Amino acid sequence: MIKKKTPNPNPTERFIYREFGASENPEALQRGVPDLPPNQQSPRVETSSKGRKGKTVTIIRGFQASPDTLTDLLKKLKNLCGAGGTLKDNELEIQGDHKQKIVQHLQQLGYKAKASGG
């Protein structure tokens, strides 16, 4: 018995095996980030100059929040310190040594922030 090959209804999609269903919805494959309230988070604030040509950067780690929440918090902290900064891998980086000022401000916002490192 000879089987006839049925033509592909969509010739632009050429795949043999697809594990997770349609690729038209990439949001379905992303993991959700728990957006915990500030009183349930305890970020750590430290300063570092490693790998930055001797320039000091204040790093805030340990957030469990969505990127939108972290972006808003970053904007507030940059305005507080009068410095630039960025968001990298759920860590906030503020240019300069502003450890004590940031710890106090985060505690006022309700976070259980602590200074770490020497």
Protein backbone atom coordinates (compact mmCIF):
# COMPACT_ATOMS: atom_id res chain seq x y z
CA MET A 1 0.00 0.00 0.00
CA ILE A 2 1.39 3.37 -1.03
CA LYS A 3 0.63 6.41 1.11
CA LYS A 4 0.19 9.74 -0.58
CA LYS A 5 1.95 12.68 0.94
CA THR A 6 -0.43 15.49 1.87
CA PRO A 7 0.85 18.97 1.12
CA ASN A 8 1.65 21.32 3.99
CA PRO A 9 -1.16 23.90 4.27
CA ASN A 10 1.33 26.56 5.37
CA PRO A 11 4.61 26.19 3.45
CA THR A 12 6.39 28.89 5.50
CA GLU A 13 6.19 26.75 8.66
CA ARG A 14 8.68 23.96 8.14
CA PHE A 15 9.17 22.07 11.37
CA ILE A 16 9.41 18.44 12.27
CA TYR A 17 8.84 18.54 16.02
CA ARG A 18 7.55 21.27 18.29
CA GLU A 19 7.47 20.63 22.01
CA PHE A 20 5.45 23.51 23.44
CA GLY A 21 2.75 24.25 20.92
CA ALA A 22 2.33 27.30 18.75
CA SER A 23 5.13 29.86 18.58
CA GLU A 24 2.69 32.71 17.91
CA ASN A 25 2.22 33.25 21.67
CA PRO A 26 5.65 33.63 23.33
CA GLU A 27 4.08 35.13 26.49
CA ALA A 28 2.57 31.73 27.28
CA LEU A 29 6.05 30.22 27.72
CA GLN A 30 7.39 32.89 30.09
CA ARG A 31 7.42 32.35 33.82
CA GLY A 32 5.54 34.73 36.01
CA VAL A 33 7.48 36.84 38.50
CA PRO A 34 5.89 37.11 41.93
CA ASP A 35 5.31 40.79 42.69
CA LEU A 36 5.57 40.71 46.47
CA PRO A 37 4.65 43.74 48.58
CA PRO A 38 7.60 45.74 50.01
CA ASN A 39 7.16 44.47 53.59
CA GLN A 40 7.82 40.88 52.39
CA GLN A 41 11.06 41.72 50.56
CA SER A 42 14.51 42.18 52.04
CA PRO A 43 16.88 43.66 49.46
CA ARG A 44 20.62 43.98 50.11
CA VAL A 45 22.47 47.18 49.30
CA GLU A 46 26.20 47.09 48.61
CA THR A 47 28.85 49.12 46.85
CA SER A 48 31.25 47.75 44.29
CA SER A 49 33.94 49.03 41.98
CA LYS A 50 34.96 45.67 40.57
CA GLY A 51 35.20 45.62 36.78
CA ARG A 52 34.21 49.28 36.45
CA LYS A 53 37.63 50.90 36.04
CA GLY A 54 37.68 52.01 39.69
CA LYS A 55 34.31 53.78 39.64
CA THR A 56 31.98 53.00 42.53
CA VAL A 57 28.46 51.70 41.94
CA THR A 58 25.75 51.00 44.52
CA ILE A 59 24.02 47.66 43.80
CA ILE A 60 20.61 46.71 45.21
CA ARG A 61 19.83 42.95 45.01
CA GLY A 62 17.15 40.59 46.23
CA PHE A 63 13.97 42.02 44.73
CA GLN A 64 11.05 39.77 43.84
CA ALA A 65 9.10 42.16 41.68
CA SER A 66 8.11 42.67 38.08
CA PRO A 67 10.40 44.66 35.77
CA ASP A 68 7.85 47.51 35.67
CA THR A 69 7.94 47.87 39.47
CA LEU A 70 11.74 47.79 39.46
CA THR A 71 11.88 50.43 36.72
CA ASP A 72 9.67 52.77 38.76
CA LEU A 73 11.78 52.19 41.88
CA LEU A 74 14.97 52.79 39.90
CA LYS A 75 13.64 56.12 38.69
CA LYS A 76 12.83 57.19 42.28
CA LEU A 77 16.28 56.17 43.53
CA LYS A 78 18.08 57.92 40.68
CA ASN A 79 16.19 61.14 41.48
CA LEU A 80 16.95 60.75 45.20
CA CYS A 81 20.68 60.32 44.60
CA GLY A 82 20.99 62.69 41.65
CA ALA A 83 22.86 60.04 39.71
CA GLY A 84 22.46 57.69 36.78
CA GLY A 85 21.67 54.03 37.04
CA THR A 86 20.41 50.93 35.30
CA LEU A 87 18.47 47.71 35.78
CA LYS A 88 20.43 44.51 35.09
CA ASP A 89 19.14 41.00 35.89
CA ASN A 90 16.72 42.15 38.63
CA GLU A 91 19.48 44.22 40.23
CA LEU A 92 19.42 48.00 40.44
CA GLU A 93 22.72 49.80 39.89
CA ILE A 94 23.11 53.44 40.92
CA GLN A 95 26.30 55.31 40.02
CA GLY A 96 28.30 56.43 43.07
CA ASP A 97 28.41 55.47 46.74
CA HIS A 98 24.87 56.08 48.06
CA LYS A 99 24.50 53.01 50.29
CA GLN A 100 23.19 54.68 53.48
CA LYS A 101 20.85 57.05 51.66
CA ILE A 102 19.30 54.19 49.65
CA VAL A 103 18.92 51.91 52.69
CA GLN A 104 17.08 54.66 54.60
CA HIS A 105 14.81 55.44 51.64
CA LEU A 106 13.96 51.76 51.04
CA GLN A 107 13.11 51.34 54.72
CA GLN A 108 10.79 54.36 54.48
CA LEU A 109 9.08 52.70 51.51
CA GLY A 110 8.49 49.59 53.65
CA TYR A 111 11.28 47.29 52.46
CA LYS A 112 13.40 45.35 54.96
CA ALA A 113 16.59 46.68 53.38
CA LYS A 114 20.02 46.02 54.84
CA ALA A 115 23.49 47.22 53.94
CA SER A 116 25.86 44.38 53.09
CA GLY A 117 29.59 44.32 52.50
CA GLY A 118 32.20 46.40 54.27
